Each structure stands twice: as structure tokens, then as C-alpha cells.
């Protein structure tokens, strides 16, 4: 009965005009995530979406947007990145950046 239970992890990180006092780097925007795992947190069975839209100052990238869609076997279906208004072809990095396979099970206690 309980073997089919799922764990959902959702949230939004909001950067409201954050400025680092040492570097003077600035960030404004948000990152949102909606992920689903089996109750054993098997990273190869995770799925979901992570998206980002932020403004940066102090570095080479001033505007960053991305969307990651992960299918039910923990592999990216979509990996779209735009930096400074230019689309970045991330297909060649798809395997290297498959962060779901590197996630460790949550340890409580």
C-alpha cells in the first residue's frame, strides 16, 4: 500500500536586490523548483522542473534564464539556457550536468 508513495519538493528562492558587500555583485530574481521522488528518494526515479530568471551585475552574465525538465528516470528532457539574451546550446553538457543522479537520499535523524 505504501510502496507507491511519492515525495514532493517544491519551492522558490527569491533574490530581492541582494548585493555582496565584498565583491559588489548583485542579484535580483528567482529560482523555482518542483521535484518528485519515490519515497526512498531514488535519484534515478526523480522528475520535475527547475526554472530561473535572474538579473546579475558585476560579472560577464547580466541576465540569466533557464528551464530544466527532468523526466521520470532522472534524465533531462529539456535544458534551455539563455544568457545575456543569447541561447546557449547545452546539449553537449546534458550528461555532465544531470544533477539528479548525484543527489543523495535525504537523511533524517
N, C-alpha and C. Protein backbone atom coordinates (compact mmCIF):
# COMPACT_ATOMS: atom_id res chain seq x y z
N UNK A 1 0.82 -1.19 0.00
CA UNK A 1 0.00 0.00 0.00
C UNK A 1 0.87 1.26 0.00
N UNK A 2 1.97 1.29 0.77
CA UNK A 2 2.78 2.48 0.88
C UNK A 2 3.93 2.51 -0.12
N UNK A 3 4.17 1.44 -0.84
CA UNK A 3 5.34 1.39 -1.73
C UNK A 3 5.25 2.37 -2.89
N UNK A 4 4.07 2.82 -3.25
CA UNK A 4 3.90 3.75 -4.36
C UNK A 4 3.86 5.21 -3.92
N UNK A 5 4.13 5.48 -2.66
CA UNK A 5 4.10 6.86 -2.17
C UNK A 5 5.21 7.68 -2.81
N UNK A 6 4.97 8.96 -2.96
CA UNK A 6 5.93 9.88 -3.57
C UNK A 6 6.29 10.99 -2.59
N UNK A 7 7.45 11.58 -2.80
CA UNK A 7 7.90 12.74 -2.04
C UNK A 7 7.99 13.91 -3.01
N UNK A 8 7.36 15.02 -2.65
CA UNK A 8 7.36 16.21 -3.49
C UNK A 8 8.19 17.30 -2.80
N UNK A 9 9.07 17.92 -3.56
CA UNK A 9 9.90 19.00 -3.06
C UNK A 9 9.65 20.20 -3.98
N UNK A 10 9.09 21.25 -3.41
CA UNK A 10 8.78 22.45 -4.20
C UNK A 10 9.20 23.68 -3.44
N UNK A 11 9.54 24.70 -4.18
CA UNK A 11 9.87 25.96 -3.52
C UNK A 11 10.30 27.01 -4.50
N UNK A 12 10.57 28.17 -3.95
CA UNK A 12 11.02 29.30 -4.75
C UNK A 12 12.07 30.06 -3.95
N UNK A 13 13.21 30.30 -4.56
CA UNK A 13 14.26 31.13 -3.96
C UNK A 13 14.14 32.51 -4.58
N UNK A 14 13.90 33.50 -3.75
CA UNK A 14 13.73 34.87 -4.24
C UNK A 14 14.94 35.69 -3.83
N UNK A 15 15.57 36.31 -4.82
CA UNK A 15 16.69 37.21 -4.58
C UNK A 15 16.17 38.63 -4.79
N UNK A 16 15.99 39.37 -3.73
CA UNK A 16 15.42 40.71 -3.81
C UNK A 16 16.53 41.74 -3.65
N UNK A 17 17.14 42.09 -4.77
CA UNK A 17 18.18 43.11 -4.82
C UNK A 17 19.31 42.82 -3.83
N UNK A 18 19.77 41.57 -3.82
CA UNK A 18 20.88 41.18 -2.95
C UNK A 18 22.20 41.70 -3.54
N UNK A 19 23.03 42.30 -2.69
CA UNK A 19 24.35 42.75 -3.11
C UNK A 19 25.39 42.23 -2.13
N UNK A 20 26.42 41.58 -2.67
CA UNK A 20 27.52 41.09 -1.86
C UNK A 20 28.43 42.27 -1.52
N UNK A 21 28.67 42.50 -0.24
CA UNK A 21 29.42 43.68 0.18
C UNK A 21 30.89 43.64 -0.24
N UNK A 22 31.47 42.46 -0.36
CA UNK A 22 32.88 42.34 -0.73
C UNK A 22 33.12 42.48 -2.23
N UNK A 23 32.31 41.81 -3.03
CA UNK A 23 32.54 41.79 -4.47
C UNK A 23 31.70 42.83 -5.21
N UNK A 24 30.65 43.31 -4.57
CA UNK A 24 29.67 44.23 -5.18
C UNK A 24 28.85 43.55 -6.27
N UNK A 25 28.89 42.21 -6.33
CA UNK A 25 28.00 41.50 -7.24
C UNK A 25 26.57 41.68 -6.75
N UNK A 26 25.64 41.71 -7.68
CA UNK A 26 24.24 42.00 -7.40
C UNK A 26 23.39 40.92 -8.06
N UNK A 27 22.33 40.50 -7.38
CA UNK A 27 21.42 39.51 -7.96
C UNK A 27 19.99 39.88 -7.59
N UNK A 28 19.11 39.75 -8.57
CA UNK A 28 17.70 40.05 -8.39
C UNK A 28 16.91 39.09 -9.27
N UNK A 29 15.96 38.37 -8.71
CA UNK A 29 15.14 37.45 -9.48
C UNK A 29 14.74 36.25 -8.65
N UNK A 30 14.44 35.13 -9.32
CA UNK A 30 14.02 33.96 -8.57
C UNK A 30 14.36 32.66 -9.29
N UNK A 31 14.43 31.62 -8.48
CA UNK A 31 14.62 30.25 -8.96
C UNK A 31 13.50 29.44 -8.33
N UNK A 32 12.75 28.70 -9.14
CA UNK A 32 11.69 27.86 -8.59
C UNK A 32 11.93 26.41 -8.99
N UNK A 33 11.46 25.51 -8.14
CA UNK A 33 11.67 24.09 -8.38
C UNK A 33 10.47 23.28 -7.89
N UNK A 34 10.17 22.26 -8.64
CA UNK A 34 9.08 21.32 -8.34
C UNK A 34 9.59 19.93 -8.73
N UNK A 35 9.96 19.15 -7.73
CA UNK A 35 10.54 17.84 -7.97
C UNK A 35 9.72 16.76 -7.30
N UNK A 36 9.77 15.55 -7.88
CA UNK A 36 9.04 14.41 -7.33
C UNK A 36 9.96 13.20 -7.31
N UNK A 37 9.96 12.50 -6.17
CA UNK A 37 10.78 11.30 -5.99
C UNK A 37 9.92 10.20 -5.38
N UNK A 38 10.31 8.94 -5.57
CA UNK A 38 9.68 7.88 -4.80
C UNK A 38 10.07 8.07 -3.33
N UNK A 39 9.35 7.43 -2.44
CA UNK A 39 9.60 7.68 -1.01
C UNK A 39 11.01 7.29 -0.57
N UNK A 40 11.72 6.46 -1.33
CA UNK A 40 13.10 6.11 -0.98
C UNK A 40 14.11 7.11 -1.54
N UNK A 41 13.64 8.20 -2.17
CA UNK A 41 14.47 9.26 -2.75
C UNK A 41 15.43 8.74 -3.80
N UNK A 42 15.07 7.69 -4.51
CA UNK A 42 15.92 7.16 -5.58
C UNK A 42 16.14 8.26 -6.62
N UNK A 43 17.36 8.79 -6.76
CA UNK A 43 17.60 9.90 -7.68
C UNK A 43 17.38 9.54 -9.14
N UNK A 44 17.49 8.26 -9.49
CA UNK A 44 17.28 7.85 -10.88
C UNK A 44 15.80 7.77 -11.23
N UNK A 45 14.93 7.92 -10.25
CA UNK A 45 13.49 7.90 -10.49
C UNK A 45 12.87 9.26 -10.23
N UNK A 46 13.70 10.29 -10.07
CA UNK A 46 13.19 11.64 -9.82
C UNK A 46 12.72 12.31 -11.10
N UNK A 47 11.83 13.26 -10.96
CA UNK A 47 11.36 14.03 -12.10
C UNK A 47 10.96 15.41 -11.61
N UNK A 48 10.76 16.33 -12.54
CA UNK A 48 10.31 17.66 -12.16
C UNK A 48 10.84 18.75 -13.05
N UNK A 49 10.78 19.97 -12.51
CA UNK A 49 11.15 21.16 -13.29
C UNK A 49 11.85 22.15 -12.37
N UNK A 50 12.91 22.76 -12.89
CA UNK A 50 13.62 23.84 -12.22
C UNK A 50 13.70 24.99 -13.21
N UNK A 51 13.30 26.18 -12.78
CA UNK A 51 13.39 27.33 -13.68
C UNK A 51 13.98 28.53 -12.95
N UNK A 52 14.60 29.41 -13.71
CA UNK A 52 15.31 30.54 -13.14
C UNK A 52 15.16 31.74 -14.06
N UNK A 53 15.01 32.90 -13.45
CA UNK A 53 15.04 34.16 -14.20
C UNK A 53 15.64 35.19 -13.25
N UNK A 54 16.92 35.56 -13.51
CA UNK A 54 17.60 36.48 -12.62
C UNK A 54 18.39 37.53 -13.39
N UNK A 55 18.61 38.65 -12.73
CA UNK A 55 19.44 39.73 -13.23
C UNK A 55 20.68 39.77 -12.35
N UNK A 56 21.85 39.84 -12.98
CA UNK A 56 23.12 39.85 -12.27
C UNK A 56 23.90 41.11 -12.67
N UNK A 57 24.65 41.65 -11.74
CA UNK A 57 25.55 42.77 -12.05
C UNK A 57 26.88 42.49 -11.40
N UNK A 58 27.96 42.85 -12.08
CA UNK A 58 29.29 42.66 -11.54
C UNK A 58 30.09 41.60 -12.26
N UNK A 59 29.45 40.89 -13.17
CA UNK A 59 30.14 39.83 -13.90
C UNK A 59 29.81 39.90 -15.38
N UNK A 60 30.24 38.89 -16.13
CA UNK A 60 30.01 38.86 -17.58
C UNK A 60 28.56 38.60 -17.94
N UNK A 61 27.85 37.80 -17.13
CA UNK A 61 26.45 37.50 -17.41
C UNK A 61 25.58 38.47 -16.63
N UNK A 62 24.72 39.20 -17.35
CA UNK A 62 23.85 40.19 -16.70
C UNK A 62 22.41 39.71 -16.59
N UNK A 63 22.00 38.85 -17.51
CA UNK A 63 20.65 38.28 -17.48
C UNK A 63 20.77 36.78 -17.70
N UNK A 64 20.13 36.00 -16.84
CA UNK A 64 20.20 34.54 -16.96
C UNK A 64 18.80 33.97 -16.80
N UNK A 65 18.43 33.12 -17.74
CA UNK A 65 17.17 32.39 -17.66
C UNK A 65 17.45 30.94 -18.02
N UNK A 66 16.82 30.02 -17.30
CA UNK A 66 16.93 28.62 -17.69
C UNK A 66 15.71 27.84 -17.24
N UNK A 67 15.49 26.73 -17.93
CA UNK A 67 14.44 25.78 -17.59
C UNK A 67 15.03 24.39 -17.73
N UNK A 68 14.92 23.59 -16.68
CA UNK A 68 15.32 22.18 -16.71
C UNK A 68 14.06 21.36 -16.48
N UNK A 69 13.75 20.47 -17.38
CA UNK A 69 12.68 19.49 -17.19
C UNK A 69 13.33 18.12 -17.11
N UNK A 70 13.04 17.43 -16.03
CA UNK A 70 13.64 16.11 -15.79
C UNK A 70 12.54 15.07 -15.88
N UNK A 71 12.74 14.05 -16.74
CA UNK A 71 11.70 13.03 -16.87
C UNK A 71 11.79 12.02 -15.72
N UNK A 72 10.93 11.03 -15.71
CA UNK A 72 10.80 10.12 -14.56
C UNK A 72 11.98 9.19 -14.32
N UNK A 73 12.96 9.16 -15.21
CA UNK A 73 14.15 8.35 -14.93
C UNK A 73 15.35 9.22 -14.54
N UNK A 74 15.08 10.49 -14.19
CA UNK A 74 16.13 11.37 -13.71
C UNK A 74 17.01 11.98 -14.79
N UNK A 75 16.58 11.93 -16.05
CA UNK A 75 17.36 12.46 -17.17
C UNK A 75 16.65 13.71 -17.70
N UNK A 76 17.43 14.69 -18.13
CA UNK A 76 16.85 15.92 -18.67
C UNK A 76 16.07 15.66 -19.95
N UNK A 77 14.85 16.19 -20.01
CA UNK A 77 14.09 16.27 -21.26
C UNK A 77 14.37 17.60 -21.93
N UNK A 78 14.47 18.63 -21.12
CA UNK A 78 14.70 19.98 -21.64
C UNK A 78 15.77 20.63 -20.78
N UNK A 79 16.65 21.34 -21.43
CA UNK A 79 17.72 22.03 -20.73
C UNK A 79 17.97 23.31 -21.51
N UNK A 80 17.12 24.30 -21.33
CA UNK A 80 17.19 25.55 -22.08
C UNK A 80 17.83 26.63 -21.24
N UNK A 81 18.86 27.28 -21.78
CA UNK A 81 19.57 28.33 -21.07
C UNK A 81 19.72 29.53 -22.00
N UNK A 82 19.42 30.71 -21.46
CA UNK A 82 19.63 31.96 -22.17
C UNK A 82 20.45 32.88 -21.26
N UNK A 83 21.57 33.37 -21.77
CA UNK A 83 22.43 34.28 -21.02
C UNK A 83 22.64 35.54 -21.86
N UNK A 84 22.38 36.68 -21.26
CA UNK A 84 22.50 37.97 -21.96
C UNK A 84 21.74 37.97 -23.29
N UNK A 85 20.59 37.33 -23.30
CA UNK A 85 19.72 37.30 -24.48
C UNK A 85 20.12 36.30 -25.54
N UNK A 86 21.18 35.53 -25.33
CA UNK A 86 21.62 34.54 -26.32
C UNK A 86 21.32 33.13 -25.82
N UNK A 87 20.76 32.31 -26.71
CA UNK A 87 20.52 30.91 -26.37
C UNK A 87 21.85 30.17 -26.30
N UNK A 88 22.01 29.36 -25.27
CA UNK A 88 23.22 28.57 -25.08
C UNK A 88 22.87 27.11 -25.37
N UNK A 89 23.61 26.48 -26.28
CA UNK A 89 23.37 25.08 -26.61
C UNK A 89 23.98 24.20 -25.52
N UNK A 90 23.13 23.66 -24.65
CA UNK A 90 23.59 22.87 -23.52
C UNK A 90 23.57 21.38 -23.81
N UNK A 91 23.22 20.96 -25.02
CA UNK A 91 23.13 19.52 -25.31
C UNK A 91 24.44 18.79 -25.04
N UNK A 92 25.56 19.42 -25.32
CA UNK A 92 26.83 18.74 -25.11
C UNK A 92 27.16 18.58 -23.62
N UNK A 93 26.46 19.31 -22.74
CA UNK A 93 26.68 19.20 -21.30
C UNK A 93 25.61 18.39 -20.59
N UNK A 94 24.67 17.85 -21.34
CA UNK A 94 23.50 17.20 -20.76
C UNK A 94 23.87 16.12 -19.74
N UNK A 95 24.77 15.23 -20.08
CA UNK A 95 25.16 14.17 -19.15
C UNK A 95 25.94 14.70 -17.96
N UNK A 96 26.87 15.61 -18.20
CA UNK A 96 27.70 16.14 -17.14
C UNK A 96 26.89 16.91 -16.10
N UNK A 97 25.84 17.58 -16.54
CA UNK A 97 25.06 18.42 -15.64
C UNK A 97 23.78 17.75 -15.13
N UNK A 98 23.65 16.45 -15.31
CA UNK A 98 22.46 15.74 -14.85
C UNK A 98 22.52 15.61 -13.33
N UNK A 99 22.18 16.70 -12.64
CA UNK A 99 22.35 16.77 -11.20
C UNK A 99 21.49 15.78 -10.44
N UNK A 100 20.41 15.32 -10.99
CA UNK A 100 19.52 14.39 -10.28
C UNK A 100 20.27 13.11 -9.91
N UNK A 101 21.15 12.62 -10.80
CA UNK A 101 21.84 11.37 -10.50
C UNK A 101 22.86 11.52 -9.38
N UNK A 102 23.23 12.76 -9.06
CA UNK A 102 24.20 12.99 -7.99
C UNK A 102 23.55 13.27 -6.64
N UNK A 103 22.25 13.44 -6.61
CA UNK A 103 21.57 13.75 -5.35
C UNK A 103 21.63 12.54 -4.42
N UNK A 104 21.87 12.78 -3.16
CA UNK A 104 21.93 11.73 -2.16
C UNK A 104 20.58 11.63 -1.46
N UNK A 105 20.21 10.45 -0.99
CA UNK A 105 18.96 10.33 -0.24
C UNK A 105 18.99 11.21 1.01
N UNK A 106 17.85 11.78 1.32
CA UNK A 106 17.73 12.62 2.50
C UNK A 106 17.87 11.79 3.74
N UNK A 107 18.71 12.24 4.66
CA UNK A 107 18.92 11.52 5.92
C UNK A 107 18.30 12.33 7.03
N UNK A 108 17.38 11.74 7.73
CA UNK A 108 16.75 12.39 8.88
C UNK A 108 17.23 11.73 10.16
N UNK A 109 17.43 12.51 11.17
CA UNK A 109 17.73 11.90 12.45
C UNK A 109 18.97 12.38 13.00
